[in-house]
């Protein structure tokens, strides 16, 4: 449970972030608006990393760190998706 729950929650948050970014790209929104889900998610991941490393510690802190790593990977994918130029 200490491994599956953070991975599952991280994937749910990451998929929502990526889908939101794809929708903003599809509707040709400004670049700042397209990058905002990825930036906000990355900031949340950094906050979770800090909390897991310095505040909680132990096995529960490791769960926070796993969650932060999964969310940050999805946030980077979202930022890359938002910055790609579409060629038609």
N, C-alpha and C. Protein backbone atom coordinates (compact mmCIF):
# COMPACT_ATOMS: atom_id res chain seq x y z
N UNK A 1 0.81 -1.19 0.00
CA UNK A 1 0.00 0.00 0.00
C UNK A 1 0.86 1.26 0.00
N UNK A 2 1.98 1.22 0.68
CA UNK A 2 2.82 2.41 0.74
C UNK A 2 3.47 2.72 -0.60
N UNK A 3 3.41 1.78 -1.53
CA UNK A 3 3.99 2.01 -2.84
C UNK A 3 2.92 2.28 -3.89
N UNK A 4 1.83 1.53 -3.83
CA UNK A 4 0.81 1.62 -4.88
C UNK A 4 -0.04 2.88 -4.78
N UNK A 5 -0.37 3.31 -3.59
CA UNK A 5 -1.22 4.49 -3.42
C UNK A 5 -0.54 5.76 -3.91
N UNK A 6 0.72 6.06 -3.53
CA UNK A 6 1.34 7.27 -4.07
C UNK A 6 1.53 7.22 -5.59
N UNK A 7 1.85 6.05 -6.12
CA UNK A 7 1.99 5.94 -7.57
C UNK A 7 0.65 6.18 -8.25
N UNK A 8 -0.42 5.60 -7.72
CA UNK A 8 -1.74 5.79 -8.30
C UNK A 8 -2.21 7.24 -8.24
N UNK A 9 -2.05 7.86 -7.08
CA UNK A 9 -2.46 9.26 -6.94
C UNK A 9 -1.60 10.16 -7.82
N UNK A 10 -0.31 9.88 -7.89
CA UNK A 10 0.57 10.66 -8.76
C UNK A 10 0.20 10.54 -10.23
N UNK A 11 -0.16 9.33 -10.65
CA UNK A 11 -0.57 9.14 -12.04
C UNK A 11 -1.89 9.84 -12.33
N UNK A 12 -2.82 9.82 -11.39
CA UNK A 12 -4.09 10.52 -11.60
C UNK A 12 -3.85 12.02 -11.74
N UNK A 13 -3.06 12.59 -10.86
CA UNK A 13 -2.76 14.02 -10.93
C UNK A 13 -2.00 14.34 -12.21
N UNK A 14 -1.05 13.49 -12.58
CA UNK A 14 -0.28 13.71 -13.80
C UNK A 14 -1.12 13.62 -15.05
N UNK A 15 -2.03 12.65 -15.11
CA UNK A 15 -2.89 12.51 -16.29
C UNK A 15 -3.82 13.71 -16.41
N UNK A 16 -4.36 14.20 -15.29
CA UNK A 16 -5.20 15.39 -15.34
C UNK A 16 -4.40 16.59 -15.84
N UNK A 17 -3.17 16.73 -15.39
CA UNK A 17 -2.32 17.84 -15.83
C UNK A 17 -2.02 17.75 -17.32
N UNK A 18 -1.68 16.57 -17.80
CA UNK A 18 -1.36 16.39 -19.22
C UNK A 18 -2.60 16.63 -20.09
N UNK A 19 -3.75 16.11 -19.66
CA UNK A 19 -4.99 16.32 -20.44
C UNK A 19 -5.36 17.80 -20.47
N UNK A 20 -5.22 18.49 -19.35
CA UNK A 20 -5.52 19.92 -19.31
C UNK A 20 -4.59 20.69 -20.24
N UNK A 21 -3.32 20.34 -20.24
CA UNK A 21 -2.37 21.00 -21.14
C UNK A 21 -2.72 20.72 -22.60
N UNK A 22 -3.07 19.48 -22.92
CA UNK A 22 -3.44 19.14 -24.30
C UNK A 22 -4.68 19.91 -24.75
N UNK A 23 -5.65 20.08 -23.84
CA UNK A 23 -6.84 20.85 -24.19
C UNK A 23 -6.51 22.32 -24.45
N UNK A 24 -5.62 22.88 -23.64
CA UNK A 24 -5.22 24.27 -23.84
C UNK A 24 -4.45 24.44 -25.14
N UNK A 25 -3.63 23.45 -25.50
CA UNK A 25 -2.91 23.50 -26.78
C UNK A 25 -3.89 23.37 -27.94
N UNK A 26 -4.86 22.51 -27.79
CA UNK A 26 -5.84 22.28 -28.86
C UNK A 26 -6.65 23.54 -29.16
N UNK A 27 -7.00 24.29 -28.12
CA UNK A 27 -7.80 25.49 -28.32
C UNK A 27 -6.95 26.74 -28.54
N UNK A 28 -5.66 26.59 -28.79
CA UNK A 28 -4.74 27.68 -29.16
C UNK A 28 -4.75 28.81 -28.14
N UNK A 29 -4.55 28.47 -26.89
CA UNK A 29 -4.47 29.46 -25.83
C UNK A 29 -3.06 30.06 -25.81
N UNK A 30 -2.87 31.19 -25.10
CA UNK A 30 -1.52 31.77 -25.00
C UNK A 30 -0.53 30.81 -24.34
N UNK A 31 0.74 31.03 -24.64
CA UNK A 31 1.80 30.13 -24.17
C UNK A 31 1.86 30.07 -22.64
N UNK A 32 1.66 31.21 -21.98
CA UNK A 32 1.69 31.21 -20.51
C UNK A 32 0.57 30.33 -19.95
N UNK A 33 -0.60 30.40 -20.56
CA UNK A 33 -1.72 29.60 -20.09
C UNK A 33 -1.51 28.12 -20.38
N UNK A 34 -0.85 27.81 -21.50
CA UNK A 34 -0.56 26.40 -21.81
C UNK A 34 0.46 25.80 -20.85
N UNK A 35 1.39 26.62 -20.38
CA UNK A 35 2.43 26.12 -19.48
C UNK A 35 2.04 26.16 -18.01
N UNK A 36 0.97 26.87 -17.67
CA UNK A 36 0.62 27.03 -16.26
C UNK A 36 0.27 25.72 -15.54
N UNK A 37 -0.44 24.75 -16.14
CA UNK A 37 -0.68 23.49 -15.40
C UNK A 37 0.62 22.76 -15.06
N UNK A 38 1.57 22.74 -15.99
CA UNK A 38 2.84 22.08 -15.74
C UNK A 38 3.67 22.78 -14.68
N UNK A 39 3.66 24.11 -14.72
CA UNK A 39 4.43 24.88 -13.75
C UNK A 39 3.85 24.71 -12.35
N UNK A 40 2.52 24.82 -12.24
CA UNK A 40 1.88 24.67 -10.92
C UNK A 40 2.06 23.27 -10.37
N UNK A 41 1.98 22.27 -11.24
CA UNK A 41 2.18 20.89 -10.79
C UNK A 41 3.62 20.66 -10.36
N UNK A 42 4.56 21.25 -11.07
CA UNK A 42 5.97 21.11 -10.69
C UNK A 42 6.25 21.80 -9.35
N UNK A 43 5.63 22.94 -9.12
CA UNK A 43 5.78 23.61 -7.82
C UNK A 43 5.18 22.77 -6.69
N UNK A 44 4.05 22.14 -6.95
CA UNK A 44 3.45 21.26 -5.94
C UNK A 44 4.35 20.06 -5.67
N UNK A 45 4.99 19.53 -6.71
CA UNK A 45 5.89 18.39 -6.53
C UNK A 45 7.11 18.78 -5.70
N UNK A 46 7.63 19.98 -5.94
CA UNK A 46 8.77 20.45 -5.14
C UNK A 46 8.36 20.60 -3.68
N UNK A 47 7.15 21.13 -3.44
CA UNK A 47 6.65 21.24 -2.07
C UNK A 47 6.49 19.89 -1.40
N UNK A 48 5.94 18.92 -2.12
CA UNK A 48 5.80 17.57 -1.57
C UNK A 48 7.16 16.93 -1.30
N UNK A 49 8.13 17.19 -2.17
CA UNK A 49 9.47 16.66 -1.98
C UNK A 49 10.08 17.22 -0.69
N UNK A 50 9.89 18.52 -0.47
CA UNK A 50 10.41 19.15 0.74
C UNK A 50 9.74 18.59 1.99
N UNK A 51 8.43 18.46 1.94
CA UNK A 51 7.69 17.94 3.10
C UNK A 51 8.11 16.50 3.39
N UNK A 52 8.24 15.68 2.35
CA UNK A 52 8.62 14.29 2.55
C UNK A 52 10.04 14.12 3.05
N UNK A 53 10.92 15.05 2.67
CA UNK A 53 12.32 14.92 3.04
C UNK A 53 12.62 15.50 4.42
N UNK A 54 12.01 16.63 4.76
CA UNK A 54 12.41 17.30 5.99
C UNK A 54 11.37 17.25 7.10
N UNK A 55 10.10 17.19 6.77
CA UNK A 55 9.08 17.27 7.81
C UNK A 55 8.63 15.88 8.25
N UNK A 56 8.22 15.03 7.32
CA UNK A 56 7.61 13.75 7.68
C UNK A 56 8.66 12.70 7.99
N UNK A 57 9.60 12.49 7.10
CA UNK A 57 10.68 11.51 7.22
C UNK A 57 10.16 10.08 7.34
N UNK A 58 11.04 9.14 7.36
CA UNK A 58 10.68 7.73 7.53
C UNK A 58 9.96 7.15 6.34
N UNK A 59 9.17 6.11 6.59
CA UNK A 59 8.47 5.43 5.51
C UNK A 59 7.37 6.30 4.92
N UNK A 60 6.70 7.09 5.74
CA UNK A 60 5.68 7.99 5.21
C UNK A 60 6.32 9.08 4.36
N UNK A 61 7.50 9.52 4.73
CA UNK A 61 8.23 10.48 3.92
C UNK A 61 8.62 9.90 2.58
N UNK A 62 8.93 8.60 2.56
CA UNK A 62 9.25 7.94 1.30
C UNK A 62 8.04 7.91 0.38
N UNK A 63 6.85 7.75 0.95
CA UNK A 63 5.63 7.79 0.15
C UNK A 63 5.44 9.18 -0.46
N UNK A 64 5.72 10.22 0.30
CA UNK A 64 5.66 11.58 -0.23
C UNK A 64 6.67 11.77 -1.36
N UNK A 65 7.86 11.21 -1.19
CA UNK A 65 8.89 11.35 -2.21
C UNK A 65 8.51 10.62 -3.50
N UNK A 66 7.92 9.44 -3.37
CA UNK A 66 7.46 8.71 -4.57
C UNK A 66 6.38 9.52 -5.28
N UNK A 67 5.46 10.07 -4.52
CA UNK A 67 4.41 10.90 -5.09
C UNK A 67 4.99 12.12 -5.80
N UNK A 68 5.98 12.76 -5.18
CA UNK A 68 6.59 13.94 -5.78
C UNK A 68 7.34 13.60 -7.06
N UNK A 69 8.01 12.46 -7.10
CA UNK A 69 8.75 12.06 -8.30
C UNK A 69 7.80 11.78 -9.46
N UNK A 70 6.72 11.05 -9.20
CA UNK A 70 5.75 10.75 -10.25
C UNK A 70 5.10 12.03 -10.77
N UNK A 71 4.72 12.93 -9.87
CA UNK A 71 4.09 14.18 -10.28
C UNK A 71 5.06 15.05 -11.06
N UNK A 72 6.33 15.09 -10.66
CA UNK A 72 7.29 15.92 -11.38
C UNK A 72 7.57 15.37 -12.78
N UNK A 73 7.59 14.06 -12.94
CA UNK A 73 7.77 13.47 -14.28
C UNK A 73 6.60 13.87 -15.18
N UNK A 74 5.39 13.77 -14.66
CA UNK A 74 4.22 14.16 -15.46
C UNK A 74 4.21 15.66 -15.74
N UNK A 75 4.69 16.48 -14.80
CA UNK A 75 4.74 17.92 -15.02
C UNK A 75 5.74 18.27 -16.11
N UNK A 76 6.87 17.58 -16.15
CA UNK A 76 7.85 17.82 -17.21
C UNK A 76 7.28 17.41 -18.57
N UNK A 77 6.56 16.30 -18.61
CA UNK A 77 5.91 15.89 -19.86
C UNK A 77 4.89 16.94 -20.28
N UNK A 78 4.16 17.49 -19.32
CA UNK A 78 3.18 18.53 -19.62
C UNK A 78 3.86 19.80 -20.15
N UNK A 79 4.98 20.17 -19.57
CA UNK A 79 5.70 21.35 -20.05
C UNK A 79 6.25 21.13 -21.46
N UNK A 80 6.76 19.95 -21.73
CA UNK A 80 7.25 19.65 -23.07
C UNK A 80 6.10 19.68 -24.07
N UNK A 81 4.96 19.12 -23.69
CA UNK A 81 3.79 19.11 -24.57
C UNK A 81 3.31 20.53 -24.84
N UNK A 82 3.33 21.39 -23.84
CA UNK A 82 2.88 22.77 -24.02
C UNK A 82 3.81 23.60 -24.87
N UNK A 83 5.09 23.22 -24.94
CA UNK A 83 6.06 24.01 -25.70
C UNK A 83 6.30 23.50 -27.11
N UNK A 84 5.76 22.34 -27.46
CA UNK A 84 5.93 21.84 -28.81
C UNK A 84 5.12 22.68 -29.78
N UNK A 85 5.70 22.95 -30.93
CA UNK A 85 4.98 23.71 -31.95
C UNK A 85 4.29 22.75 -32.89
N UNK A 86 3.04 23.06 -33.18
CA UNK A 86 2.26 22.24 -34.07
C UNK A 86 2.53 22.66 -35.51
N UNK A 87 2.82 21.70 -36.37
CA UNK A 87 3.02 22.00 -37.78
C UNK A 87 1.88 21.39 -38.58
N UNK A 88 1.15 22.22 -39.27
CA UNK A 88 0.03 21.73 -40.08
C UNK A 88 0.34 21.88 -41.54
